[in-house]
Amino acid sequence: MVVTWFSSKEKVGQVSLYDSNITLNMIASVPFEAAYRVQVGVNEFGQLVIEPVSKDRFMRGDMDEYQLLPIQLKKSYSRINSTLLMKKIAVALGVELSKNPLKFDTRWDEEHNVLVIMSGKEEK
């Protein structure tokens, strides 16, 4: 017999977009605990995507260093700081970013090893 247990405390990762940074809550930060850098992009559904990059992968030198950003890890959150990145994200998503955050849920995509920020249309 296969049983799928339900949890009353299902935790959802959440990301806050500000005009100067991306802040990930503790749940969304877990996949980045061993990351040396990250890449941030947008997929065909208009969702932001963050990929962790290990130090070994970074040191190979086969990635565009201008696409790699540092991530600051704290006990209860992590943060990617870049005003330029946030301007590009605002244009890509068609939103206005400010000191007041826009908040989005996240999901971890095991197949592609990326965090997907549910900022656009859902996949079909």
PDB file of N, CA and C in Angstrom:
ATOM      1  N   MET A   1       0.841  -1.168   0.000  1.00  0.00           N
ATOM      2  CA  MET A   1       0.000   0.000   0.000  1.00  0.00           C
ATOM      3  C   MET A   1       0.897   1.246   0.000  1.00  0.00           C
ATOM      4  N   VAL A   2       0.606   2.171  -0.900  1.00  0.00           N
ATOM      5  CA  VAL A   2       1.334   3.430  -0.981  1.00  0.00           C
ATOM      6  C   VAL A   2       0.468   4.522  -0.362  1.00  0.00           C
ATOM      7  N   VAL A   3       1.031   5.228   0.589  1.00  0.00           N
ATOM      8  CA  VAL A   3       0.308   6.286   1.278  1.00  0.00           C
ATOM      9  C   VAL A   3       1.035   7.605   1.067  1.00  0.00           C
ATOM     10  N   THR A   4       0.295   8.623   0.735  1.00  0.00           N
ATOM     11  CA  THR A   4       0.840   9.975   0.660  1.00  0.00           C
ATOM     12  C   THR A   4       0.276  10.733   1.850  1.00  0.00           C
ATOM     13  N   TRP A   5       1.149  11.097   2.767  1.00  0.00           N
ATOM     14  CA  TRP A   5       0.724  11.783   3.979  1.00  0.00           C
ATOM     15  C   TRP A   5       0.635  13.276   3.727  1.00  0.00           C
ATOM     16  N   PHE A   6      -0.360  13.897   4.301  1.00  0.00           N
ATOM     17  CA  PHE A   6      -0.550  15.330   4.181  1.00  0.00           C
ATOM     18  C   PHE A   6      -0.025  16.014   5.440  1.00  0.00           C
ATOM     19  N   SER A   7       0.535  17.171   5.246  1.00  0.00           N
ATOM     20  CA  SER A   7       1.059  17.927   6.368  1.00  0.00           C
ATOM     21  C   SER A   7       0.222  19.182   6.554  1.00  0.00           C
ATOM     22  N   SER A   8      -0.133  19.472   7.787  1.00  0.00           N
ATOM     23  CA  SER A   8      -0.876  20.698   8.047  1.00  0.00           C
ATOM     24  C   SER A   8       0.047  21.913   8.039  1.00  0.00           C
ATOM     25  N   LYS A   9       1.337  21.667   7.980  1.00  0.00           N
ATOM     26  CA  LYS A   9       2.304  22.757   7.993  1.00  0.00           C
ATOM     27  C   LYS A   9       3.145  22.760   6.721  1.00  0.00           C
ATOM     28  N   GLU A  10       2.495  22.571   5.576  1.00  0.00           N
ATOM     29  CA  GLU A  10       3.209  22.619   4.310  1.00  0.00           C
ATOM     30  C   GLU A  10       3.843  23.993   4.173  1.00  0.00           C
ATOM     31  N   LYS A  11       5.108  24.006   3.906  1.00  0.00           N
ATOM     32  CA  LYS A  11       5.807  25.282   3.817  1.00  0.00           C
ATOM     33  C   LYS A  11       6.100  25.611   2.362  1.00  0.00           C
ATOM     34  N   VAL A  12       5.827  26.836   2.006  1.00  0.00           N
ATOM     35  CA  VAL A  12       6.037  27.304   0.648  1.00  0.00           C
ATOM     36  C   VAL A  12       7.158  28.322   0.671  1.00  0.00           C
ATOM     37  N   GLY A  13       8.096  28.185  -0.267  1.00  0.00           N
ATOM     38  CA  GLY A  13       9.126  29.196  -0.396  1.00  0.00           C
ATOM     39  C   GLY A  13       8.516  30.477  -0.925  1.00  0.00           C
ATOM     40  N   GLN A  14       9.084  31.573  -0.508  1.00  0.00           N
ATOM     41  CA  GLN A  14       8.591  32.857  -0.978  1.00  0.00           C
ATOM     42  C   GLN A  14       9.764  33.786  -1.277  1.00  0.00           C
ATOM     43  N   VAL A  15       9.591  34.582  -2.308  1.00  0.00           N
ATOM     44  CA  VAL A  15      10.603  35.541  -2.735  1.00  0.00           C
ATOM     45  C   VAL A  15       9.987  36.928  -2.732  1.00  0.00           C
ATOM     46  N   SER A  16      10.754  37.893  -2.282  1.00  0.00           N
ATOM     47  CA  SER A  16      10.335  39.298  -2.310  1.00  0.00           C
ATOM     48  C   SER A  16      11.256  40.046  -3.264  1.00  0.00           C
ATOM     49  N   LEU A  17      10.652  40.763  -4.206  1.00  0.00           N
ATOM     50  CA  LEU A  17      11.415  41.552  -5.171  1.00  0.00           C
ATOM     51  C   LEU A  17      11.351  43.018  -4.772  1.00  0.00           C
ATOM     52  N   TYR A  18      12.504  43.595  -4.546  1.00  0.00           N
ATOM     53  CA  TYR A  18      12.628  45.020  -4.222  1.00  0.00           C
ATOM     54  C   TYR A  18      13.322  45.712  -5.393  1.00  0.00           C
ATOM     55  N   ASP A  19      13.475  47.019  -5.327  1.00  0.00           N
ATOM     56  CA  ASP A  19      14.161  47.742  -6.400  1.00  0.00           C
ATOM     57  C   ASP A  19      15.669  47.510  -6.396  1.00  0.00           C
ATOM     58  N   SER A  20      16.212  46.922  -5.324  1.00  0.00           N
ATOM     59  CA  SER A  20      17.660  46.715  -5.261  1.00  0.00           C
ATOM     60  C   SER A  20      18.077  45.273  -4.998  1.00  0.00           C
ATOM     61  N   ASN A  21      17.112  44.379  -4.708  1.00  0.00           N
ATOM     62  CA  ASN A  21      17.502  43.003  -4.399  1.00  0.00           C
ATOM     63  C   ASN A  21      16.356  42.015  -4.511  1.00  0.00           C
ATOM     64  N   ILE A  22      16.735  40.749  -4.503  1.00  0.00           N
ATOM     65  CA  ILE A  22      15.807  39.625  -4.387  1.00  0.00           C
ATOM     66  C   ILE A  22      16.068  39.023  -3.016  1.00  0.00           C
ATOM     67  N   THR A  23      15.027  38.896  -2.204  1.00  0.00           N
ATOM     68  CA  THR A  23      15.165  38.277  -0.889  1.00  0.00           C
ATOM     69  C   THR A  23      14.366  36.982  -0.880  1.00  0.00           C
ATOM     70  N   LEU A  24      15.031  35.889  -0.516  1.00  0.00           N
ATOM     71  CA  LEU A  24      14.399  34.575  -0.440  1.00  0.00           C
ATOM     72  C   LEU A  24      14.177  34.211   1.016  1.00  0.00           C
ATOM     73  N   ASN A  25      12.994  33.698   1.344  1.00  0.00           N
ATOM     74  CA  ASN A  25      12.773  33.278   2.717  1.00  0.00           C
ATOM     75  C   ASN A  25      13.567  31.996   2.995  1.00  0.00           C
ATOM     76  N   MET A  26      13.505  31.514   4.217  1.00  0.00           N
ATOM     77  CA  MET A  26      14.311  30.378   4.634  1.00  0.00           C
ATOM     78  C   MET A  26      14.028  29.135   3.777  1.00  0.00           C
ATOM     79  N   ILE A  27      12.781  28.887   3.466  1.00  0.00           N
ATOM     80  CA  ILE A  27      12.411  27.714   2.674  1.00  0.00           C
ATOM     81  C   ILE A  27      12.982  27.825   1.258  1.00  0.00           C
ATOM     82  N   ALA A  28      12.835  28.965   0.629  1.00  0.00           N
ATOM     83  CA  ALA A  28      13.352  29.161  -0.733  1.00  0.00           C
ATOM     84  C   ALA A  28      14.873  29.177  -0.756  1.00  0.00           C
ATOM     85  N   SER A  29      15.508  29.474   0.371  1.00  0.00           N
ATOM     86  CA  SER A  29      16.972  29.567   0.444  1.00  0.00           C
ATOM     87  C   SER A  29      17.682  28.219   0.516  1.00  0.00           C
ATOM     88  N   VAL A  30      16.989  27.185   0.944  1.00  0.00           N
ATOM     89  CA  VAL A  30      17.618  25.882   1.190  1.00  0.00           C
ATOM     90  C   VAL A  30      18.462  25.383   0.014  1.00  0.00           C
ATOM     91  N   PRO A  31      17.987  25.427  -1.231  1.00  0.00           N
ATOM     92  CA  PRO A  31      18.794  24.912  -2.340  1.00  0.00           C
ATOM     93  C   PRO A  31      20.087  25.695  -2.601  1.00  0.00           C
ATOM     94  N   PHE A  32      20.236  26.852  -1.980  1.00  0.00           N
ATOM     95  CA  PHE A  32      21.386  27.708  -2.238  1.00  0.00           C
ATOM     96  C   PHE A  32      22.437  27.656  -1.130  1.00  0.00           C
ATOM     97  N   GLU A  33      22.229  26.773  -0.154  1.00  0.00           N
ATOM     98  CA  GLU A  33      23.155  26.690   0.974  1.00  0.00           C
ATOM     99  C   GLU A  33      24.579  26.350   0.541  1.00  0.00           C
ATOM    100  N   ALA A  34      24.737  25.599  -0.529  1.00  0.00           N
ATOM    101  CA  ALA A  34      26.070  25.235  -1.014  1.00  0.00           C
ATOM    102  C   ALA A  34      26.465  26.017  -2.269  1.00  0.00           C
ATOM    103  N   ALA A  35      25.657  26.994  -2.649  1.00  0.00           N
ATOM    104  CA  ALA A  35      25.936  27.760  -3.875  1.00  0.00           C
ATOM    105  C   ALA A  35      27.056  28.766  -3.641  1.00  0.00           C
ATOM    106  N   TYR A  36      27.908  28.908  -4.641  1.00  0.00           N
ATOM    107  CA  TYR A  36      28.964  29.913  -4.620  1.00  0.00           C
ATOM    108  C   TYR A  36      28.470  31.192  -5.299  1.00  0.00           C
ATOM    109  N   ARG A  37      27.740  31.031  -6.374  1.00  0.00           N
ATOM    110  CA  ARG A  37      27.124  32.116  -7.134  1.00  0.00           C
ATOM    111  C   ARG A  37      25.769  31.622  -7.622  1.00  0.00           C
ATOM    112  N   VAL A  38      24.997  32.526  -8.232  1.00  0.00           N
ATOM    113  CA  VAL A  38      23.721  32.164  -8.834  1.00  0.00           C
ATOM    114  C   VAL A  38      23.600  32.825 -10.198  1.00  0.00           C
ATOM    115  N   GLN A  39      22.730  32.256 -11.017  1.00  0.00           N
ATOM    116  CA  GLN A  39      22.326  32.873 -12.278  1.00  0.00           C
ATOM    117  C   GLN A  39      20.838  33.159 -12.146  1.00  0.00           C
ATOM    118  N   VAL A  40      20.408  34.292 -12.661  1.00  0.00           N
ATOM    119  CA  VAL A  40      18.996  34.654 -12.612  1.00  0.00           C
ATOM    120  C   VAL A  40      18.531  34.899 -14.037  1.00  0.00           C
ATOM    121  N   GLY A  41      17.394  34.320 -14.387  1.00  0.00           N
ATOM    122  CA  GLY A  41      16.848  34.503 -15.724  1.00  0.00           C
ATOM    123  C   GLY A  41      15.338  34.412 -15.704  1.00  0.00           C
ATOM    124  N   VAL A  42      14.749  34.388 -16.871  1.00  0.00           N
ATOM    125  CA  VAL A  42      13.303  34.266 -17.004  1.00  0.00           C
ATOM    126  C   VAL A  42      13.026  33.163 -18.020  1.00  0.00           C
ATOM    127  N   ASN A  43      12.021  32.332 -17.746  1.00  0.00           N
ATOM    128  CA  ASN A  43      11.691  31.255 -18.676  1.00  0.00           C
ATOM    129  C   ASN A  43      10.598  31.695 -19.646  1.00  0.00           C
ATOM    130  N   GLU A  44      10.190  30.778 -20.504  1.00  0.00           N
ATOM    131  CA  GLU A  44       9.203  31.102 -21.538  1.00  0.00           C
ATOM    132  C   GLU A  44       7.817  31.408 -20.977  1.00  0.00           C
ATOM    133  N   PHE A  45       7.577  31.111 -19.705  1.00  0.00           N
ATOM    134  CA  PHE A  45       6.290  31.378 -19.079  1.00  0.00           C
ATOM    135  C   PHE A  45       6.287  32.700 -18.298  1.00  0.00           C
ATOM    136  N   GLY A  46       7.371  33.447 -18.378  1.00  0.00           N
ATOM    137  CA  GLY A  46       7.475  34.708 -17.668  1.00  0.00           C
ATOM    138  C   GLY A  46       7.778  34.536 -16.197  1.00  0.00           C
ATOM    139  N   GLN A  47       8.307  33.374 -15.826  1.00  0.00           N
ATOM    140  CA  GLN A  47       8.661  33.114 -14.445  1.00  0.00           C
ATOM    141  C   GLN A  47      10.156  33.338 -14.262  1.00  0.00           C
ATOM    142  N   LEU A  48      10.515  33.971 -13.166  1.00  0.00           N
ATOM    143  CA  LEU A  48      11.929  34.118 -12.843  1.00  0.00           C
ATOM    144  C   LEU A  48      12.485  32.763 -12.445  1.00  0.00           C
ATOM    145  N   VAL A  49      13.738  32.541 -12.772  1.00  0.00           N
ATOM    146  CA  VAL A  49      14.411  31.288 -12.467  1.00  0.00           C
ATOM    147  C   VAL A  49      15.767  31.624 -11.862  1.00  0.00           C
ATOM    148  N   ILE A  50      16.100  30.950 -10.755  1.00  0.00           N
ATOM    149  CA  ILE A  50      17.403  31.153 -10.120  1.00  0.00           C
ATOM    150  C   ILE A  50      18.103  29.803 -10.051  1.00  0.00           C
ATOM    151  N   GLU A  51      19.317  29.758 -10.586  1.00  0.00           N
ATOM    152  CA  GLU A  51      20.098  28.523 -10.598  1.00  0.00           C
ATOM    153  C   GLU A  51      21.313  28.665  -9.679  1.00  0.00           C
ATOM    154  N   PRO A  52      21.496  27.719  -8.763  1.00  0.00           N
ATOM    155  CA  PRO A  52      22.710  27.744  -7.940  1.00  0.00           C
ATOM    156  C   PRO A  52      23.915  27.284  -8.756  1.00  0.00           C
ATOM    157  N   VAL A  53      25.053  27.916  -8.537  1.00  0.00           N
ATOM    158  CA  VAL A  53      26.288  27.538  -9.226  1.00  0.00           C
ATOM    159  C   VAL A  53      27.324  27.228  -8.148  1.00  0.00           C
ATOM    160  N   SER A  54      27.878  26.026  -8.203  1.00  0.00           N
ATOM    161  CA  SER A  54      28.875  25.618  -7.213  1.00  0.00           C
ATOM    162  C   SER A  54      30.220  26.287  -7.500  1.00  0.00           C
ATOM    163  N   LYS A  55      31.094  26.284  -6.520  1.00  0.00           N
ATOM    164  CA  LYS A  55      32.419  26.869  -6.705  1.00  0.00           C
ATOM    165  C   LYS A  55      33.205  26.083  -7.754  1.00  0.00           C
ATOM    166  N   ASP A  56      33.077  24.753  -7.762  1.00  0.00           N
ATOM    167  CA  ASP A  56      33.753  23.934  -8.771  1.00  0.00           C
ATOM    168  C   ASP A  56      33.326  24.319 -10.182  1.00  0.00           C
ATOM    169  N   ARG A  57      32.022  24.479 -10.374  1.00  0.00           N
ATOM    170  CA  ARG A  57      31.523  24.861 -11.701  1.00  0.00           C
ATOM    171  C   ARG A  57      32.018  26.256 -12.065  1.00  0.00           C
ATOM    172  N   PHE A  58      32.023  27.166 -11.110  1.00  0.00           N
ATOM    173  CA  PHE A  58      32.506  28.523 -11.332  1.00  0.00           C
ATOM    174  C   PHE A  58      33.980  28.519 -11.724  1.00  0.00           C
ATOM    175  N   MET A  59      34.775  27.718 -11.035  1.00  0.00           N
ATOM    176  CA  MET A  59      36.222  27.682 -11.253  1.00  0.00           C
ATOM    177  C   MET A  59      36.611  27.079 -12.606  1.00  0.00           C
ATOM    178  N   ARG A  60      35.728  26.314 -13.220  1.00  0.00           N
ATOM    179  CA  ARG A  60      36.030  25.769 -14.551  1.00  0.00           C
ATOM    180  C   ARG A  60      36.232  26.871 -15.579  1.00  0.00           C
ATOM    181  N   GLY A  61      35.596  28.014 -15.345  1.00  0.00           N
ATOM    182  CA  GLY A  61      35.792  29.161 -16.221  1.00  0.00           C
ATOM    183  C   GLY A  61      35.020  29.111 -17.526  1.00  0.00           C
ATOM    184  N   ASP A  62      34.051  28.210 -17.649  1.00  0.00           N
ATOM    185  CA  ASP A  62      33.301  28.092 -18.897  1.00  0.00           C
ATOM    186  C   ASP A  62      31.958  28.827 -18.863  1.00  0.00           C
ATOM    187  N   MET A  63      31.739  29.616 -17.810  1.00  0.00           N
ATOM    188  CA  MET A  63      30.500  30.376 -17.702  1.00  0.00           C
ATOM    189  C   MET A  63      30.802  31.867 -17.826  1.00  0.00           C
ATOM    190  N   ASP A  64      29.828  32.616 -18.322  1.00  0.00           N
ATOM    191  CA  ASP A  64      29.977  34.062 -18.447  1.00  0.00           C
ATOM    192  C   ASP A  64      29.949  34.670 -17.048  1.00  0.00           C
ATOM    193  N   GLU A  65      31.079  35.171 -16.588  1.00  0.00           N
ATOM    194  CA  GLU A  65      31.177  35.687 -15.222  1.00  0.00           C
ATOM    195  C   GLU A  65      30.240  36.864 -14.970  1.00  0.00           C
ATOM    196  N   TYR A  66      29.798  37.556 -16.024  1.00  0.00           N
ATOM    197  CA  TYR A  66      28.903  38.694 -15.856  1.00  0.00           C
ATOM    198  C   TYR A  66      27.460  38.254 -15.612  1.00  0.00           C
ATOM    199  N   GLN A  67      27.175  36.969 -15.814  1.00  0.00           N
ATOM    200  CA  GLN A  67      25.846  36.437 -15.530  1.00  0.00           C
ATOM    201  C   GLN A  67      25.776  35.819 -14.139  1.00  0.00           C
ATOM    202  N   LEU A  68      26.890  35.728 -13.455  1.00  0.00           N
ATOM    203  CA  LEU A  68      26.943  35.087 -12.146  1.00  0.00           C
ATOM    204  C   LEU A  68      26.944  36.137 -11.041  1.00  0.00           C
ATOM    205  N   LEU A  69      26.073  35.940 -10.081  1.00  0.00           N
ATOM    206  CA  LEU A  69      25.912  36.913  -8.999  1.00  0.00           C
ATOM    207  C   LEU A  69      26.154  36.249  -7.651  1.00  0.00           C
ATOM    208  N   PRO A  70      26.725  36.980  -6.710  1.00  0.00           N
ATOM    209  CA  PRO A  70      26.879  36.424  -5.360  1.00  0.00           C
ATOM    210  C   PRO A  70      25.526  36.366  -4.661  1.00  0.00           C
ATOM    211  N   ILE A  71      25.396  35.408  -3.756  1.00  0.00           N
ATOM    212  CA  ILE A  71      24.206  35.300  -2.932  1.00  0.00           C
ATOM    213  C   ILE A  71      24.647  35.332  -1.473  1.00  0.00           C
ATOM    214  N   GLN A  72      24.002  36.161  -0.688  1.00  0.00           N
ATOM    215  CA  GLN A  72      24.323  36.271   0.734  1.00  0.00           C
ATOM    216  C   GLN A  72      23.361  35.383   1.506  1.00  0.00           C
ATOM    217  N   LEU A  73      23.907  34.446   2.261  1.00  0.00           N
ATOM    218  CA  LEU A  73      23.096  33.525   3.048  1.00  0.00           C
ATOM    219  C   LEU A  73      23.096  33.934   4.506  1.00  0.00           C
ATOM    220  N   LYS A  74      21.925  34.059   5.067  1.00  0.00           N
ATOM    221  CA  LYS A  74      21.738  34.361   6.487  1.00  0.00           C
ATOM    222  C   LYS A  74      20.970  33.201   7.111  1.00  0.00           C
ATOM    223  N   LYS A  75      20.735  33.253   8.424  1.00  0.00           N
ATOM    224  CA  LYS A  75      20.013  32.169   9.097  1.00  0.00           C
ATOM    225  C   LYS A  75      18.580  32.007   8.601  1.00  0.00           C
ATOM    226  N   SER A  76      17.887  33.108   8.392  1.00  0.00           N
ATOM    227  CA  SER A  76      16.472  33.010   8.056  1.00  0.00           C
ATOM    228  C   SER A  76      16.104  33.495   6.657  1.00  0.00           C
ATOM    229  N   TYR A  77      17.096  33.899   5.872  1.00  0.00           N
ATOM    230  CA  TYR A  77      16.821  34.358   4.507  1.00  0.00           C
ATOM    231  C   TYR A  77      18.119  34.393   3.721  1.00  0.00           C
ATOM    232  N   SER A  78      17.997  34.621   2.426  1.00  0.00           N
ATOM    233  CA  SER A  78      19.171  34.875   1.586  1.00  0.00           C
ATOM    234  C   SER A  78      18.823  36.040   0.661  1.00  0.00           C
ATOM    235  N   ARG A  79      19.869  36.642   0.089  1.00  0.00           N
ATOM    236  CA  ARG A  79      19.636  37.843  -0.694  1.00  0.00           C
ATOM    237  C   ARG A  79      20.611  37.919  -1.864  1.00  0.00           C
ATOM    238  N   ILE A  80      20.072  38.371  -3.004  1.00  0.00           N
ATOM    239  CA  ILE A  80      20.863  38.659  -4.196  1.00  0.00           C
ATOM    240  C   ILE A  80      20.733  40.162  -4.418  1.00  0.00           C
ATOM    241  N   ASN A  81      21.839  40.879  -4.289  1.00  0.00           N
ATOM    242  CA  ASN A  81      21.827  42.340  -4.411  1.00  0.00           C
ATOM    243  C   ASN A  81      22.327  42.775  -5.780  1.00  0.00           C
ATOM    244  N   SER A  82      21.518  43.520  -6.496  1.00  0.00           N
ATOM    245  CA  SER A  82      21.944  44.116  -7.760  1.00  0.00           C
ATOM    246  C   SER A  82      20.825  45.018  -8.288  1.00  0.00           C
ATOM    247  N   THR A  83      21.061  46.312  -8.248  1.00  0.00           N
ATOM    248  CA  THR A  83      20.082  47.258  -8.767  1.00  0.00           C
ATOM    249  C   THR A  83      19.908  47.077 -10.268  1.00  0.00           C
ATOM    250  N   LEU A  84      21.003  46.829 -10.977  1.00  0.00           N
ATOM    251  CA  LEU A  84      20.928  46.612 -12.427  1.00  0.00           C
ATOM    252  C   LEU A  84      20.083  45.379 -12.744  1.00  0.00           C
ATOM    253  N   LEU A  85      20.307  44.290 -12.015  1.00  0.00           N
ATOM    254  CA  LEU A  85      19.509  43.080 -12.211  1.00  0.00           C
ATOM    255  C   LEU A  85      18.032  43.379 -11.978  1.00  0.00           C
ATOM    256  N   MET A  86      17.721  44.114 -10.935  1.00  0.00           N
ATOM    257  CA  MET A  86      16.330  44.386 -10.598  1.00  0.00           C
ATOM    258  C   MET A  86      15.657  45.251 -11.667  1.00  0.00           C
ATOM    259  N   LYS A  87      16.406  46.145 -12.288  1.00  0.00           N
ATOM    260  CA  LYS A  87      15.856  46.934 -13.395  1.00  0.00           C
ATOM    261  C   LYS A  87      15.515  46.028 -14.571  1.00  0.00           C
ATOM    262  N   LYS A  88      16.393  45.059 -14.858  1.00  0.00           N
ATOM    263  CA  LYS A  88      16.134  44.112 -15.949  1.00  0.00           C
ATOM    264  C   LYS A  88      14.931  43.226 -15.637  1.00  0.00           C
ATOM    265  N   ILE A  89      14.811  42.803 -14.390  1.00  0.00           N
ATOM    266  CA  ILE A  89      13.670  41.988 -13.977  1.00  0.00           C
ATOM    267  C   ILE A  89      12.370  42.778 -14.108  1.00  0.00           C
ATOM    268  N   ALA A  90      12.381  44.034 -13.686  1.00  0.00           N
ATOM    269  CA  ALA A  90      11.185  44.878 -13.782  1.00  0.00           C
ATOM    270  C   ALA A  90      10.706  44.987 -15.225  1.00  0.00           C
ATOM    271  N   VAL A  91      11.640  45.172 -16.156  1.00  0.00           N
ATOM    272  CA  VAL A  91      11.286  45.258 -17.572  1.00  0.00           C
ATOM    273  C   VAL A  91      10.749  43.911 -18.064  1.00  0.00           C
ATOM    274  N   ALA A  92      11.442  42.826 -17.731  1.00  0.00           N
ATOM    275  CA  ALA A  92      11.035  41.497 -18.197  1.00  0.00           C
ATOM    276  C   ALA A  92       9.651  41.108 -17.687  1.00  0.00           C
ATOM    277  N   LEU A  93       9.332  41.489 -16.446  1.00  0.00           N
ATOM    278  CA  LEU A  93       8.038  41.121 -15.866  1.00  0.00           C
ATOM    279  C   LEU A  93       6.960  42.185 -16.086  1.00  0.00           C
ATOM    280  N   GLY A  94       7.368  43.363 -16.539  1.00  0.00           N
ATOM    281  CA  GLY A  94       6.415  44.442 -16.741  1.00  0.00           C
ATOM    282  C   GLY A  94       5.846  44.964 -15.430  1.00  0.00           C
ATOM    283  N   VAL A  95       6.721  45.076 -14.431  1.00  0.00           N
ATOM    284  CA  VAL A  95       6.285  45.551 -13.115  1.00  0.00           C
ATOM    285  C   VAL A  95       7.157  46.724 -12.687  1.00  0.00           C
ATOM    286  N   GLU A  96       6.688  47.438 -11.679  1.00  0.00           N
ATOM    287  CA  GLU A  96       7.474  48.517 -11.101  1.00  0.00           C
ATOM    288  C   GLU A  96       7.941  48.055  -9.725  1.00  0.00           C
ATOM    289  N   LEU A  97       9.235  48.081  -9.506  1.00  0.00           N
ATOM    290  CA  LEU A  97       9.789  47.656  -8.232  1.00  0.00           C
ATOM    291  C   LEU A  97      10.144  48.871  -7.393  1.00  0.00           C
ATOM    292  N   SER A  98       9.984  48.731  -6.075  1.00  0.00           N
ATOM    293  CA  SER A  98      10.259  49.840  -5.165  1.00  0.00           C
ATOM    294  C   SER A  98      10.766  49.291  -3.841  1.00  0.00           C
ATOM    295  N   LYS A  99      10.751  50.132  -2.827  1.00  0.00           N
ATOM    296  CA  LYS A  99      11.144  49.705  -1.478  1.00  0.00           C
ATOM    297  C   LYS A  99      10.097  48.770  -0.871  1.00  0.00           C
ATOM    298  N   ASN A 100       8.878  48.824  -1.403  1.00  0.00           N
ATOM    299  CA  ASN A 100       7.816  47.909  -0.978  1.00  0.00           C
ATOM    300  C   ASN A 100       7.869  46.668  -1.866  1.00  0.00           C
ATOM    301  N   PRO A 101       8.022  45.486  -1.280  1.00  0.00           N
ATOM    302  CA  PRO A 101       8.273  44.302  -2.086  1.00  0.00           C
ATOM    303  C   PRO A 101       7.053  43.760  -2.823  1.00  0.00           C
ATOM    304  N   LEU A 102       7.330  43.130  -3.958  1.00  0.00           N
ATOM    305  CA  LEU A 102       6.362  42.275  -4.627  1.00  0.00           C
ATOM    306  C   LEU A 102       6.711  40.863  -4.175  1.00  0.00           C
ATOM    307  N   LYS A 103       5.734  40.102  -3.716  1.00  0.00           N
ATOM    308  CA  LYS A 103       6.007  38.771  -3.181  1.00  0.00           C
ATOM    309  C   LYS A 103       5.422  37.696  -4.074  1.00  0.00           C
ATOM    310  N   PHE A 104       6.214  36.628  -4.255  1.00  0.00           N
ATOM    311  CA  PHE A 104       5.804  35.516  -5.096  1.00  0.00           C
ATOM    312  C   PHE A 104       6.167  34.198  -4.417  1.00  0.00           C
ATOM    313  N   ASP A 105       5.339  33.190  -4.642  1.00  0.00           N
ATOM    314  CA  ASP A 105       5.665  31.845  -4.174  1.00  0.00           C
ATOM    315  C   ASP A 105       6.716  31.241  -5.095  1.00  0.00           C
ATOM    316  N   THR A 106       7.383  30.203  -4.592  1.00  0.00           N
ATOM    317  CA  THR A 106       8.424  29.530  -5.374  1.00  0.00           C
ATOM    318  C   THR A 106       8.180  28.027  -5.383  1.00  0.00           C
ATOM    319  N   ARG A 107       8.852  27.357  -6.306  1.00  0.00           N
ATOM    320  CA  ARG A 107       8.892  25.896  -6.305  1.00  0.00           C
ATOM    321  C   ARG A 107      10.258  25.471  -6.829  1.00  0.00           C
ATOM    322  N   TRP A 108      10.761  24.369  -6.302  1.00  0.00           N
ATOM    323  CA  TRP A 108      12.038  23.845  -6.738  1.00  0.00           C
ATOM    324  C   TRP A 108      11.800  22.890  -7.888  1.00  0.00           C
ATOM    325  N   ASP A 109      12.471  23.098  -9.014  1.00  0.00           N
ATOM    326  CA  ASP A 109      12.379  22.237 -10.190  1.00  0.00           C
ATOM    327  C   ASP A 109      13.549  21.264 -10.145  1.00  0.00           C
ATOM    328  N   GLU A 110      13.295  20.046  -9.684  1.00  0.00           N
ATOM    329  CA  GLU A 110      14.332  19.018  -9.539  1.00  0.00           C
ATOM    330  C   GLU A 110      14.991  18.685 -10.879  1.00  0.00           C
ATOM    331  N   GLU A 111      14.188  18.611 -11.910  1.00  0.00           N
ATOM    332  CA  GLU A 111      14.698  18.205 -13.220  1.00  0.00           C
ATOM    333  C   GLU A 111      15.757  19.168 -13.753  1.00  0.00           C
ATOM    334  N   HIS A 112      15.539  20.465 -13.574  1.00  0.00           N
ATOM    335  CA  HIS A 112      16.459  21.461 -14.113  1.00  0.00           C
ATOM    336  C   HIS A 112      17.372  22.075 -13.051  1.00  0.00           C
ATOM    337  N   ASN A 113      17.199  21.670 -11.795  1.00  0.00           N
ATOM    338  CA  ASN A 113      18.014  22.147 -10.683  1.00  0.00           C
ATOM    339  C   ASN A 113      17.956  23.672 -10.555  1.00  0.00           C
ATOM    340  N   VAL A 114      16.723  24.208 -10.577  1.00  0.00           N
ATOM    341  CA  VAL A 114      16.520  25.647 -10.468  1.00  0.00           C
ATOM    342  C   VAL A 114      15.340  25.946  -9.544  1.00  0.00           C
ATOM    343  N   LEU A 115      15.362  27.126  -8.960  1.00  0.00           N
ATOM    344  CA  LEU A 115      14.229  27.631  -8.198  1.00  0.00           C
ATOM    345  C   LEU A 115      13.381  28.452  -9.152  1.00  0.00           C
ATOM    346  N   VAL A 116      12.098  28.121  -9.249  1.00  0.00           N
ATOM    347  CA  VAL A 116      11.183  28.845 -10.127  1.00  0.00           C
ATOM    348  C   VAL A 116      10.330  29.764  -9.266  1.00  0.00           C
ATOM    349  N   ILE A 117      10.332  31.028  -9.613  1.00  0.00           N
ATOM    350  CA  ILE A 117       9.522  32.029  -8.915  1.00  0.00           C
ATOM    351  C   ILE A 117       8.257  32.215  -9.730  1.00  0.00           C
ATOM    352  N   MET A 118       7.138  31.962  -9.126  1.00  0.00           N
ATOM    353  CA  MET A 118       5.860  31.964  -9.828  1.00  0.00           C
ATOM    354  C   MET A 118       5.421  33.396 -10.134  1.00  0.00           C
ATOM    355  N   SER A 119       6.160  34.039 -11.015  1.00  0.00           N
ATOM    356  CA  SER A 119       5.933  35.454 -11.321  1.00  0.00           C
ATOM    357  C   SER A 119       5.216  35.679 -12.638  1.00  0.00           C
ATOM    358  N   GLY A 120       4.866  34.610 -13.324  1.00  0.00           N
ATOM    359  CA  GLY A 120       4.222  34.762 -14.621  1.00  0.00           C
ATOM    360  C   GLY A 120       3.098  33.767 -14.775  1.00  0.00           C
ATOM    361  N   LYS A 121       2.842  33.372 -15.985  1.00  0.00           N
ATOM    362  CA  LYS A 121       1.789  32.396 -16.277  1.00  0.00           C
ATOM    363  C   LYS A 121       2.271  31.011 -15.862  1.00  0.00           C
ATOM    364  N   GLU A 122       1.336  30.213 -15.422  1.00  0.00           N
ATOM    365  CA  GLU A 122       1.670  28.845 -15.017  1.00  0.00           C
ATOM    366  C   GLU A 122       1.940  27.989 -16.243  1.00  0.00           C
ATOM    367  N   GLU A 123       2.791  26.981 -16.051  1.00  0.00           N
ATOM    368  CA  GLU A 123       3.052  26.027 -17.124  1.00  0.00           C
ATOM    369  C   GLU A 123       1.799  25.200 -17.349  1.00  0.00           C
ATOM    370  N   LYS A 124       1.621  24.785 -18.576  1.00  0.00           N
ATOM    371  CA  LYS A 124       0.449  23.953 -18.897  1.00  0.00           C
ATOM    372  C   LYS A 124       0.881  22.535 -19.116  1.00  0.00           C
TER     373      LYS A 124
END
